[in-house]
Amino acid sequence: MFERVKEYIQDNEFRLTLFEDRIHIINYVKILSLETERISILTSSKRIVIKGENLVLNRLLECEVLILGNVFSIEVFYE
């Protein structure tokens, strides 16, 4: 069990998990833009653009964010 906790703490891989009414993102670098219809997030190797309506940040931590709202599309641009 200790090994699993250690792996979780040391994990720095970008992850985006899409749920029906929210998006959970971990290990991002920076939020580039924040609007109710568009959120742009920078990772170590790409830029993620989330488009929708009523998009809001519900939880914001150092490298973790939870976005609520109606998501229409997620675009990935490799830098």
N, C-alpha and C. Protein backbone atom coordinates (compact mmCIF):
# COMPACT_ATOMS: atom_id res chain seq x y z
N MET A 1 0.82 -1.19 0.00
CA MET A 1 0.00 0.00 0.00
C MET A 1 0.86 1.25 0.00
N PHE A 2 1.95 1.24 0.76
CA PHE A 2 2.84 2.38 0.80
C PHE A 2 3.39 2.70 -0.59
N GLU A 3 3.68 1.66 -1.36
CA GLU A 3 4.21 1.85 -2.71
C GLU A 3 3.19 2.56 -3.61
N ARG A 4 1.92 2.23 -3.49
CA ARG A 4 0.86 2.90 -4.28
C ARG A 4 0.75 4.37 -3.92
N VAL A 5 0.85 4.68 -2.65
CA VAL A 5 0.79 6.08 -2.20
C VAL A 5 2.00 6.83 -2.74
N LYS A 6 3.15 6.22 -2.69
CA LYS A 6 4.37 6.83 -3.19
C LYS A 6 4.26 7.11 -4.70
N GLU A 7 3.75 6.16 -5.46
CA GLU A 7 3.57 6.34 -6.90
C GLU A 7 2.59 7.47 -7.19
N TYR A 8 1.52 7.58 -6.41
CA TYR A 8 0.52 8.64 -6.59
C TYR A 8 1.15 10.01 -6.33
N ILE A 9 1.94 10.12 -5.30
CA ILE A 9 2.57 11.39 -4.96
C ILE A 9 3.58 11.80 -6.01
N GLN A 10 4.33 10.87 -6.54
CA GLN A 10 5.37 11.18 -7.52
C GLN A 10 4.86 11.26 -8.95
N ASP A 11 3.63 10.92 -9.19
CA ASP A 11 3.07 10.94 -10.54
C ASP A 11 2.92 12.38 -11.02
N ASN A 12 3.48 12.69 -12.18
CA ASN A 12 3.33 14.03 -12.73
C ASN A 12 2.82 14.00 -14.16
N GLU A 13 2.19 12.92 -14.57
CA GLU A 13 1.64 12.78 -15.91
C GLU A 13 0.31 13.53 -16.00
N PHE A 14 0.13 14.28 -17.08
CA PHE A 14 -1.11 15.00 -17.31
C PHE A 14 -2.26 14.02 -17.50
N ARG A 15 -3.40 14.33 -16.86
CA ARG A 15 -4.60 13.51 -17.02
C ARG A 15 -5.83 14.41 -17.12
N LEU A 16 -6.70 14.05 -18.02
CA LEU A 16 -7.98 14.73 -18.18
C LEU A 16 -9.05 13.64 -18.13
N THR A 17 -9.97 13.76 -17.19
CA THR A 17 -11.06 12.80 -17.07
C THR A 17 -12.36 13.52 -17.32
N LEU A 18 -13.11 13.04 -18.30
CA LEU A 18 -14.38 13.66 -18.69
C LEU A 18 -15.53 12.88 -18.08
N PHE A 19 -16.36 13.58 -17.31
CA PHE A 19 -17.57 13.01 -16.74
C PHE A 19 -18.76 13.64 -17.46
N GLU A 20 -19.94 13.24 -17.13
CA GLU A 20 -21.13 13.78 -17.79
C GLU A 20 -21.28 15.29 -17.61
N ASP A 21 -20.97 15.78 -16.42
CA ASP A 21 -21.21 17.20 -16.13
C ASP A 21 -19.98 17.94 -15.62
N ARG A 22 -18.80 17.32 -15.78
CA ARG A 22 -17.59 17.97 -15.28
C ARG A 22 -16.34 17.36 -15.93
N ILE A 23 -15.25 18.10 -15.81
CA ILE A 23 -13.95 17.64 -16.29
C ILE A 23 -12.96 17.79 -15.15
N HIS A 24 -12.23 16.74 -14.88
CA HIS A 24 -11.21 16.75 -13.83
C HIS A 24 -9.85 16.69 -14.52
N ILE A 25 -8.99 17.67 -14.22
CA ILE A 25 -7.68 17.75 -14.84
C ILE A 25 -6.63 17.78 -13.74
N ILE A 26 -5.59 16.96 -13.91
CA ILE A 26 -4.47 17.00 -12.96
C ILE A 26 -3.16 17.13 -13.72
N ASN A 27 -2.19 17.70 -13.06
CA ASN A 27 -0.84 17.89 -13.58
C ASN A 27 -0.79 18.79 -14.81
N TYR A 28 -1.49 19.90 -14.75
CA TYR A 28 -1.40 20.91 -15.80
C TYR A 28 -0.35 21.94 -15.37
N VAL A 29 0.08 22.78 -16.30
CA VAL A 29 1.10 23.78 -16.01
C VAL A 29 0.48 25.13 -15.68
N LYS A 30 -0.49 25.57 -16.53
CA LYS A 30 -1.02 26.91 -16.37
C LYS A 30 -2.39 27.03 -17.04
N ILE A 31 -3.27 27.82 -16.46
CA ILE A 31 -4.54 28.16 -17.11
C ILE A 31 -4.28 29.41 -17.94
N LEU A 32 -4.43 29.28 -19.26
CA LEU A 32 -4.12 30.38 -20.16
C LEU A 32 -5.27 31.37 -20.30
N SER A 33 -6.50 30.85 -20.38
CA SER A 33 -7.67 31.73 -20.47
C SER A 33 -8.84 31.07 -19.78
N LEU A 34 -9.70 31.92 -19.25
CA LEU A 34 -10.85 31.43 -18.49
C LEU A 34 -12.06 32.29 -18.83
N GLU A 35 -12.98 31.71 -19.58
CA GLU A 35 -14.23 32.37 -19.95
C GLU A 35 -15.36 31.37 -19.73
N THR A 36 -16.58 31.85 -19.69
CA THR A 36 -17.71 30.94 -19.45
C THR A 36 -17.97 30.00 -20.62
N GLU A 37 -17.42 30.33 -21.81
CA GLU A 37 -17.63 29.48 -22.98
C GLU A 37 -16.34 28.85 -23.51
N ARG A 38 -15.20 29.19 -22.89
CA ARG A 38 -13.92 28.67 -23.38
C ARG A 38 -12.87 28.73 -22.28
N ILE A 39 -12.19 27.59 -22.05
CA ILE A 39 -11.09 27.53 -21.10
C ILE A 39 -9.90 26.91 -21.82
N SER A 40 -8.76 27.55 -21.72
CA SER A 40 -7.54 27.07 -22.34
C SER A 40 -6.52 26.74 -21.25
N ILE A 41 -5.95 25.53 -21.33
CA ILE A 41 -5.04 25.04 -20.30
C ILE A 41 -3.76 24.54 -20.96
N LEU A 42 -2.63 24.92 -20.40
CA LEU A 42 -1.33 24.51 -20.91
C LEU A 42 -0.80 23.34 -20.09
N THR A 43 -0.30 22.32 -20.78
CA THR A 43 0.38 21.21 -20.14
C THR A 43 1.85 21.28 -20.54
N SER A 44 2.63 20.33 -20.15
CA SER A 44 4.05 20.36 -20.50
C SER A 44 4.30 20.18 -21.99
N SER A 45 3.36 19.58 -22.72
CA SER A 45 3.60 19.32 -24.15
C SER A 45 2.45 19.72 -25.07
N LYS A 46 1.35 20.22 -24.51
CA LYS A 46 0.21 20.55 -25.36
C LYS A 46 -0.65 21.62 -24.72
N ARG A 47 -1.56 22.16 -25.53
CA ARG A 47 -2.54 23.13 -25.06
C ARG A 47 -3.92 22.49 -25.25
N ILE A 48 -4.73 22.52 -24.21
CA ILE A 48 -6.07 21.95 -24.21
C ILE A 48 -7.06 23.11 -24.22
N VAL A 49 -8.02 23.08 -25.16
CA VAL A 49 -9.06 24.10 -25.23
C VAL A 49 -10.40 23.41 -25.02
N ILE A 50 -11.11 23.83 -24.00
CA ILE A 50 -12.42 23.27 -23.67
C ILE A 50 -13.46 24.31 -24.05
N LYS A 51 -14.43 23.90 -24.86
CA LYS A 51 -15.50 24.81 -25.29
C LYS A 51 -16.83 24.29 -24.78
N GLY A 52 -17.69 25.20 -24.36
CA GLY A 52 -18.99 24.82 -23.85
C GLY A 52 -19.76 26.03 -23.40
N GLU A 53 -20.64 25.82 -22.44
CA GLU A 53 -21.39 26.94 -21.88
C GLU A 53 -21.46 26.78 -20.37
N ASN A 54 -21.53 27.90 -19.68
CA ASN A 54 -21.57 27.93 -18.22
C ASN A 54 -20.38 27.20 -17.59
N LEU A 55 -19.20 27.34 -18.20
CA LEU A 55 -18.00 26.69 -17.67
C LEU A 55 -17.49 27.48 -16.48
N VAL A 56 -17.26 26.80 -15.37
CA VAL A 56 -16.75 27.43 -14.15
C VAL A 56 -15.73 26.50 -13.50
N LEU A 57 -14.76 27.11 -12.82
CA LEU A 57 -13.82 26.33 -12.03
C LEU A 57 -14.45 26.07 -10.68
N ASN A 58 -14.64 24.82 -10.36
CA ASN A 58 -15.25 24.46 -9.09
C ASN A 58 -14.21 24.23 -8.01
N ARG A 59 -13.07 23.71 -8.42
CA ARG A 59 -11.98 23.45 -7.48
C ARG A 59 -10.68 23.78 -8.19
N LEU A 60 -9.84 24.53 -7.53
CA LEU A 60 -8.56 24.92 -8.12
C LEU A 60 -7.46 24.69 -7.10
N LEU A 61 -6.59 23.75 -7.40
CA LEU A 61 -5.44 23.47 -6.55
C LEU A 61 -4.17 23.72 -7.36
N GLU A 62 -3.04 23.51 -6.77
CA GLU A 62 -1.77 23.83 -7.42
C GLU A 62 -1.65 23.20 -8.82
N CYS A 63 -1.99 21.95 -8.96
CA CYS A 63 -1.90 21.30 -10.28
C CYS A 63 -3.13 20.44 -10.56
N GLU A 64 -4.26 20.85 -10.01
CA GLU A 64 -5.50 20.10 -10.19
C GLU A 64 -6.65 21.09 -10.31
N VAL A 65 -7.56 20.82 -11.25
CA VAL A 65 -8.71 21.70 -11.45
C VAL A 65 -9.93 20.85 -11.79
N LEU A 66 -11.09 21.29 -11.32
CA LEU A 66 -12.37 20.66 -11.64
C LEU A 66 -13.22 21.70 -12.33
N ILE A 67 -13.65 21.41 -13.55
CA ILE A 67 -14.44 22.34 -14.35
C ILE A 67 -15.86 21.79 -14.46
N LEU A 68 -16.82 22.64 -14.13
CA LEU A 68 -18.23 22.27 -14.26
C LEU A 68 -18.83 23.03 -15.43
N GLY A 69 -19.88 22.47 -16.03
CA GLY A 69 -20.59 23.13 -17.11
C GLY A 69 -20.93 22.16 -18.23
N ASN A 70 -21.54 22.69 -19.27
CA ASN A 70 -21.90 21.89 -20.44
C ASN A 70 -20.75 21.95 -21.44
N VAL A 71 -20.06 20.84 -21.62
CA VAL A 71 -18.91 20.78 -22.51
C VAL A 71 -19.37 20.35 -23.90
N PHE A 72 -18.97 21.15 -24.91
CA PHE A 72 -19.31 20.82 -26.30
C PHE A 72 -18.14 20.16 -27.01
N SER A 73 -16.90 20.62 -26.70
CA SER A 73 -15.74 20.03 -27.37
C SER A 73 -14.48 20.22 -26.54
N ILE A 74 -13.53 19.34 -26.79
CA ILE A 74 -12.19 19.42 -26.20
C ILE A 74 -11.20 19.30 -27.34
N GLU A 75 -10.38 20.33 -27.52
CA GLU A 75 -9.39 20.33 -28.58
C GLU A 75 -7.99 20.24 -27.98
N VAL A 76 -7.11 19.51 -28.67
CA VAL A 76 -5.74 19.34 -28.21
C VAL A 76 -4.80 19.88 -29.29
N PHE A 77 -3.91 20.80 -28.91
CA PHE A 77 -2.93 21.37 -29.81
C PHE A 77 -1.54 21.04 -29.27
N TYR A 78 -0.75 20.33 -30.07
CA TYR A 78 0.59 19.97 -29.61
C TYR A 78 1.54 21.11 -29.88
N GLU A 79 2.29 21.46 -28.86
CA GLU A 79 3.22 22.60 -28.94
C GLU A 79 4.54 22.16 -29.51
